[in-house]
Protein backbone atom coordinates (compact mmCIF):
# COMPACT_ATOMS: atom_id res chain seq x y z
CA MET A 1 14.03 36.66 67.62
CA ASN A 2 17.39 35.06 68.61
CA ARG A 3 18.59 35.97 71.73
CA ARG A 4 22.05 37.86 72.61
CA GLU A 5 23.65 37.96 75.53
CA PRO A 6 23.14 41.28 77.57
CA ALA A 7 25.71 44.08 76.89
CA THR A 8 28.50 44.59 79.37
CA SER A 9 28.05 46.68 82.33
CA GLU A 10 31.42 48.03 82.51
CA SER A 11 31.14 50.36 79.41
CA ASP A 12 28.70 51.35 76.71
CA ALA A 13 29.91 49.58 73.64
CA HIS A 14 28.37 52.37 71.38
CA THR A 15 29.52 55.52 72.87
CA GLY A 16 32.67 54.24 75.34
CA ASN A 17 31.00 55.92 78.33
CA ARG A 18 32.73 54.64 81.58
CA LEU A 19 29.84 55.34 83.72
CA ILE A 20 29.49 52.93 86.39
CA LEU A 21 26.76 52.02 89.52
CA THR A 22 28.15 50.46 92.41
CA LYS A 23 26.59 49.11 95.34
CA THR A 24 28.17 49.20 99.17
CA ASP A 25 28.80 46.06 101.32
CA GLU A 26 25.64 46.85 103.47
CA LEU A 27 23.72 46.12 100.47
CA LYS A 28 25.30 43.17 98.80
CA GLU A 29 21.93 41.25 99.43
CA ILE A 30 20.08 43.54 96.89
CA PRO A 31 20.19 42.00 93.24
CA MET A 32 21.09 44.29 91.39
CA GLU A 33 22.34 44.14 87.60
CA TRP A 34 22.58 47.70 84.94
CA ARG A 35 23.46 48.49 81.53
CA VAL A 36 24.60 51.51 79.81
CA TYR A 37 23.26 51.94 76.36
CA GLY A 38 23.86 54.70 73.64
CA ASN A 39 22.87 56.00 70.44
CA LEU A 40 19.14 55.17 71.29
CA GLN A 41 16.49 56.22 69.00
CA ILE A 42 13.72 57.03 71.30
CA LYS A 43 10.36 58.23 70.02
CA LYS A 44 7.38 60.06 71.69
CA ARG A 45 5.11 57.29 69.75
CA ASN A 46 5.30 54.03 67.19
CA SER A 47 2.52 52.39 66.26
CA GLY A 48 4.26 48.99 66.49
CA VAL A 49 5.41 49.48 70.12
CA GLU A 50 1.74 50.73 70.84
CA ARG A 51 0.71 47.06 69.38
CA TRP A 52 3.27 45.38 71.35
CA VAL A 53 2.14 46.81 74.57
CA LYS A 54 -1.49 46.48 73.91
CA GLU A 55 -0.85 42.54 73.59
CA ARG A 56 1.43 42.14 76.28
CA VAL A 57 -1.04 44.33 78.34
CA GLY A 58 -3.90 41.70 77.43
CA GLU A 59 -1.76 38.99 79.07
CA ILE A 60 -1.08 40.57 82.04
CA LYS A 61 -4.74 41.39 82.76
CA ALA A 62 -5.58 37.79 81.97
CA LYS A 63 -2.86 36.61 83.97
CA CYS A 64 -4.41 38.94 86.98
CA ASN A 65 -7.47 37.70 86.78
CA GLU A 66 -6.51 33.99 87.31
CA SER A 67 -4.87 34.16 90.63
CA PRO A 68 -4.75 36.74 93.48
CA TRP A 69 -2.04 38.63 92.01
CA LYS A 70 -1.26 41.45 94.89
CA THR A 71 -0.69 38.45 97.35
CA SER A 72 2.04 36.97 95.11
CA GLU A 73 5.26 36.26 96.70
CA VAL A 74 6.82 38.77 93.58
CA LEU A 75 5.36 41.84 95.44
CA LYS A 76 5.42 40.70 98.84
CA GLY A 77 9.01 40.53 98.26
CA TYR A 78 9.39 43.93 97.29
CA ILE A 79 7.60 44.93 100.38
CA ALA A 80 9.28 42.83 102.84
CA LEU A 81 12.36 44.32 101.43
CA HIS A 82 11.53 48.00 101.77
CA ASP A 83 10.07 47.22 105.31
CA ARG A 84 13.92 46.40 106.44
CA PHE A 85 15.29 49.44 105.46
CA SER A 86 12.11 52.03 105.74
CA MET A 87 10.16 53.19 108.89
CA GLU A 88 6.92 53.76 106.53
CA LYS A 89 5.67 50.36 105.98
CA GLY A 90 3.90 48.51 103.23
CA ILE A 91 5.69 50.71 100.85
CA PRO A 92 4.60 48.54 96.98
CA SER A 93 6.94 48.41 94.20
CA SER A 94 6.89 49.86 91.30
CA CYS A 95 5.70 46.71 89.53
CA GLU A 96 2.56 46.71 91.53
CA VAL A 97 2.13 50.01 91.54
CA LEU A 98 2.17 49.59 87.28
CA THR A 99 -0.51 46.69 87.46
CA ASP A 100 -2.76 48.68 89.42
CA LEU A 101 -2.69 51.62 86.78
CA ILE A 102 -2.89 48.73 83.72
CA LEU A 103 -6.24 47.08 85.57
CA LYS A 104 -7.49 50.44 86.03
CA ASN A 105 -6.84 52.43 82.83
CA GLY A 106 -6.52 49.65 80.54
CA SER A 107 -2.72 50.06 79.90
CA VAL A 108 0.56 51.41 81.04
CA PRO A 109 0.79 55.01 81.19
CA HIS A 110 2.19 56.43 78.07
CA ILE A 111 5.49 57.99 78.24
CA ASN A 112 7.86 57.07 75.03
CA THR A 113 8.82 53.80 73.08
CA PHE A 114 11.61 53.53 75.45
CA VAL A 115 9.71 53.67 78.92
CA ASP A 116 6.83 51.99 77.80
CA ILE A 117 8.27 48.96 76.59
CA TYR A 118 10.57 48.59 80.15
CA ASN A 119 7.75 49.24 82.21
CA VAL A 120 5.56 46.33 80.48
CA ILE A 121 8.57 44.06 80.72
CA SER A 122 9.39 44.85 84.64
CA VAL A 123 5.17 43.89 85.19
CA LEU A 124 5.56 41.05 83.10
CA THR A 125 9.20 39.59 85.04
CA GLY A 126 8.45 41.32 88.27
CA VAL A 127 12.04 42.74 88.11
CA SER A 128 12.08 46.50 89.04
CA ILE A 129 13.50 48.31 86.32
CA GLY A 130 14.37 51.78 86.16
CA ALA A 131 16.07 54.15 83.61
CA HIS A 132 18.41 57.30 83.85
CA ASP A 133 19.83 59.64 80.94
CA THR A 134 23.12 59.52 81.41
CA ARG A 135 23.76 63.13 80.62
CA ASN A 136 22.06 64.71 83.57
CA ILE A 137 23.69 61.97 85.66
CA SER A 138 26.69 63.77 87.99
CA GLY A 139 29.47 61.68 88.49
CA ASN A 140 29.09 57.92 88.78
CA ALA A 141 25.88 56.51 90.46
CA ARG A 142 26.03 54.62 93.62
CA LEU A 143 23.36 52.19 95.39
CA LEU A 144 24.07 52.94 99.08
CA LYS A 145 22.09 53.33 102.56
CA ILE A 146 20.69 56.95 103.02
CA LYS A 147 22.68 58.75 106.21
CA LYS A 148 20.02 61.62 106.49
CA ASP A 149 16.65 62.50 104.77
CA THR A 150 17.64 63.70 101.50
CA ALA A 151 14.65 65.59 99.27
CA PHE A 152 14.48 65.40 95.71
CA LYS A 153 12.02 65.99 92.82
CA PRO A 154 10.19 62.81 91.75
CA ILE A 155 9.18 62.46 88.32
CA GLY A 156 5.22 63.39 87.62
CA GLY A 157 5.27 64.80 91.47
CA ARG A 158 4.19 68.12 92.87
CA GLY A 159 6.48 69.56 95.46
CA GLU A 160 9.39 67.38 96.96
CA GLY A 161 10.07 63.79 97.56
CA MET A 162 12.07 62.32 100.26
CA ALA A 163 14.50 59.57 100.74
CA LYS A 164 14.13 58.61 104.42
CA ARG A 165 17.04 58.01 106.85
CA GLY A 166 18.41 54.15 106.69
CA GLU A 167 16.30 53.61 103.31
CA PHE A 168 18.45 52.41 100.44
CA ALA A 169 18.75 54.74 97.38
CA TYR A 170 20.26 55.45 93.74
CA VAL A 171 22.51 58.51 93.96
CA ASP A 172 25.04 60.33 92.08
CA ASP A 173 27.12 63.56 92.82
CA ALA A 174 24.01 65.86 92.21
CA GLY A 175 21.70 63.93 94.74
CA VAL A 176 19.20 61.22 94.65
CA MET A 177 18.51 59.42 91.57
CA CYS A 178 15.75 57.06 92.81
CA ARG A 179 14.29 56.48 96.37
CA MET A 180 14.91 52.72 97.17
CA ASP A 181 12.86 50.93 93.59
CA VAL A 182 9.93 52.97 94.11
CA LYS A 183 10.19 57.02 93.16
CA GLN A 184 12.72 58.38 90.28
CA CYS A 185 13.96 61.98 90.51
CA ASN A 186 12.88 64.12 87.45
CA ARG A 187 16.49 65.09 86.49
CA THR A 188 17.60 62.11 85.08
CA LYS A 189 14.15 61.12 83.54
CA ILE A 190 14.27 59.45 79.87
CA THR A 191 12.47 61.79 77.34
CA ASP A 192 12.42 61.38 73.29
CA LYS A 193 15.49 63.60 73.53
CA THR A 194 17.49 61.02 75.36
CA ARG A 195 20.40 59.13 73.88
CA ASN A 196 22.17 57.47 76.47
CA VAL A 197 20.89 55.66 79.25
CA LEU A 198 21.35 53.63 82.38
CA VAL A 199 19.43 50.97 83.27
CA ILE A 200 18.93 49.48 86.44
CA PHE A 201 16.96 45.84 87.11
CA GLN A 202 16.92 45.01 90.84
CA GLY A 203 15.20 41.99 92.86
CA HIS A 204 14.98 40.73 96.07
CA ALA A 205 15.76 38.00 97.92
CA GLY A 206 13.13 35.85 95.75
CA ILE A 207 14.01 37.51 92.56
CA GLY A 208 17.64 36.65 91.62
CA GLU A 209 20.27 37.05 89.12
CA ASN A 210 18.54 34.41 86.32
CA ALA A 211 15.46 36.67 86.28
CA LEU A 212 17.67 40.00 86.23
CA HIS A 213 19.45 38.67 83.33
CA ASP A 214 16.27 37.54 81.56
CA SER A 215 14.51 40.96 82.11
CA ILE A 216 17.90 42.28 80.51
CA LEU A 217 17.49 40.02 77.21
CA GLN A 218 13.89 41.00 77.04
CA LEU A 219 14.20 44.04 76.98
CA GLU A 220 17.26 44.31 74.54
CA GLU A 221 15.32 41.93 72.39
CA ALA A 222 12.29 44.46 72.39
CA LEU A 223 14.34 47.73 71.71
CA ARG A 224 16.50 46.12 69.03
CA GLN A 225 12.83 44.83 67.27
CA PHE A 226 11.83 48.40 67.21
CA GLN A 227 15.19 49.82 66.23
CA ILE A 228 15.70 51.73 69.22
CA LEU A 229 18.47 50.10 70.02
CA GLU A 230 21.08 49.11 67.40
């Protein structure tokens, strides 16, 4: 499949959505890109996507067996980033958590075709990827440092999550969308009913712009391959 240039960040060519994501100057060191995609055709299951996931999970397991993956510079870089902003030390990245689940259960947790694909690409590239249903985003999104402990309802969690003072977080006018790059809120989760999404690609000092753009291209190719994205 031929590679295409990533969609522009400023708007959604499919829907004309003018949603934007801004980053405060004090967090300019955190590499981050974002895209808005519209008119998506997300399904609960698709046999082609399941085969695609299975093949790449095999690649991930083989790669992990070849080297001590938990001590890789990619994963250590996320922990170092989290340690800089959080009083809670040693918080692992979403990539590390997903890899643990793959090695334990034999696959990524099945959610839907869109989420399953971006979870696999996140593990393969080492780029933290998160997605939010734009219909549930209030105002524009912002990446900033939290000024006080802020509660939110996390995906798959019981009770409250907490974005803690001094940590970086993705927020909108309604509250926390994601604590750092590790725990997303339930309010903006992606379902098979979702049509328009904000996707965030984030790295750290060792994962810069080129890696982020490569993960964007990989995601867009896979979404087009399975006709999730036009």
